[in-house]
Amino acid sequence: MNTEVDFQKIRNTAESYYRNGDFYCSEAVVKTIKDESISFLRQIYRTIFSIIQHQLKRIFSLMPITFLANMVKFWLKNYQNLLKTIRI
């Protein structure tokens, strides 16, 4: 995961938004920072998700198949409630 901030890239992007007339000066700066923040958060999300996915695979490989079947049945019964709980 890239944790470095490329200030020159952010500056060039904001200036091009302003020069092209897409945004006013302050709007261009805010949009560029927002876009870079979202990109960084996506990287964090992907990293966390891959760690969780790896751990779940490890946990499930150690569980007996009957337990897994019962867990899937429970999840299917409570699917809507789980979606509401998990929603970020």
Protein backbone atom coordinates (compact mmCIF):
# COMPACT_ATOMS: atom_id res chain seq x y z
CA MET A 1 0.00 0.00 0.00
CA ASN A 2 1.33 3.39 -0.98
CA THR A 3 1.34 5.77 1.99
CA GLU A 4 3.30 8.54 0.29
CA VAL A 5 1.49 11.74 -0.69
CA ASP A 6 2.48 13.21 -4.04
CA PHE A 7 1.91 16.92 -3.44
CA GLN A 8 3.12 17.85 -6.90
CA LYS A 9 0.50 15.57 -8.48
CA ILE A 10 -2.21 17.07 -6.26
CA ARG A 11 -1.08 20.59 -7.16
CA ASN A 12 -0.97 19.85 -10.90
CA THR A 13 -4.40 18.23 -10.84
CA ALA A 14 -5.97 21.13 -8.93
CA GLU A 15 -4.34 23.68 -11.22
CA SER A 16 -5.56 21.87 -14.32
CA TYR A 17 -9.13 21.79 -12.94
CA TYR A 18 -8.89 25.55 -12.38
CA ARG A 19 -7.23 26.33 -15.74
CA ASN A 20 -9.79 24.24 -17.65
CA GLY A 21 -12.60 26.11 -15.95
CA ASP A 22 -13.99 22.97 -14.33
CA PHE A 23 -13.85 24.46 -10.83
CA TYR A 24 -13.00 27.68 -9.02
CA CYS A 25 -9.64 27.72 -7.23
CA SER A 26 -10.79 26.56 -3.78
CA GLU A 27 -13.20 24.01 -5.28
CA ALA A 28 -10.40 22.53 -7.39
CA VAL A 29 -8.19 22.12 -4.32
CA VAL A 30 -10.98 20.52 -2.27
CA LYS A 31 -11.99 18.14 -5.08
CA THR A 32 -8.41 17.02 -5.66
CA ILE A 33 -7.79 16.38 -1.96
CA LYS A 34 -11.12 14.55 -1.71
CA ASP A 35 -10.27 12.35 -4.70
CA GLU A 36 -6.84 11.52 -3.28
CA SER A 37 -8.37 10.74 0.13
CA ILE A 38 -10.91 8.40 -1.43
CA SER A 39 -8.15 6.64 -3.33
CA PHE A 40 -6.16 6.22 -0.11
CA LEU A 41 -9.22 4.93 1.78
CA ARG A 42 -9.87 2.40 -0.99
CA GLN A 43 -6.32 1.10 -0.56
CA ILE A 44 -6.88 0.76 3.19
CA TYR A 45 -10.21 -0.99 2.60
CA ARG A 46 -8.64 -3.46 0.16
CA THR A 47 -5.83 -4.23 2.58
CA ILE A 48 -8.17 -4.77 5.52
CA PHE A 49 -10.54 -6.87 3.40
CA SER A 50 -7.73 -9.13 2.18
CA ILE A 51 -6.52 -9.64 5.77
CA ILE A 52 -10.04 -10.50 6.95
CA GLN A 53 -10.58 -12.79 3.96
CA HIS A 54 -7.32 -14.63 4.70
CA GLN A 55 -8.24 -15.03 8.38
CA LEU A 56 -11.74 -16.30 7.55
CA LYS A 57 -10.30 -18.90 5.18
CA ARG A 58 -7.96 -20.03 7.92
CA ILE A 59 -10.75 -20.20 10.51
CA PHE A 60 -13.18 -22.00 8.20
CA SER A 61 -10.59 -24.57 7.22
CA LEU A 62 -10.32 -25.58 10.88
CA MET A 63 -14.08 -25.91 11.50
CA PRO A 64 -16.06 -29.12 11.03
CA ILE A 65 -18.35 -29.14 8.00
CA THR A 66 -21.55 -29.52 10.07
CA PHE A 67 -20.78 -26.31 11.95
CA LEU A 68 -20.21 -24.48 8.68
CA ALA A 69 -23.49 -25.81 7.26
CA ASN A 70 -25.41 -24.62 10.33
CA MET A 71 -23.73 -21.23 10.14
CA VAL A 72 -24.73 -20.84 6.47
CA LYS A 73 -28.32 -21.78 7.31
CA PHE A 74 -28.34 -19.15 10.06
CA TRP A 75 -26.92 -16.50 7.70
CA LEU A 76 -29.51 -17.29 5.04
CA LYS A 77 -32.35 -16.97 7.57
CA ASN A 78 -31.07 -13.65 8.86
CA TYR A 79 -29.68 -12.25 5.62
CA GLN A 80 -31.57 -8.94 5.75
CA ASN A 81 -30.63 -8.29 9.37
CA LEU A 82 -27.00 -9.07 8.63
CA LEU A 83 -26.97 -6.62 5.73
CA LYS A 84 -28.33 -3.88 7.96
CA THR A 85 -25.74 -4.68 10.61
CA ILE A 86 -22.78 -4.87 8.22
CA ARG A 87 -23.71 -1.77 6.19
CA ILE A 88 -21.02 0.89 6.51
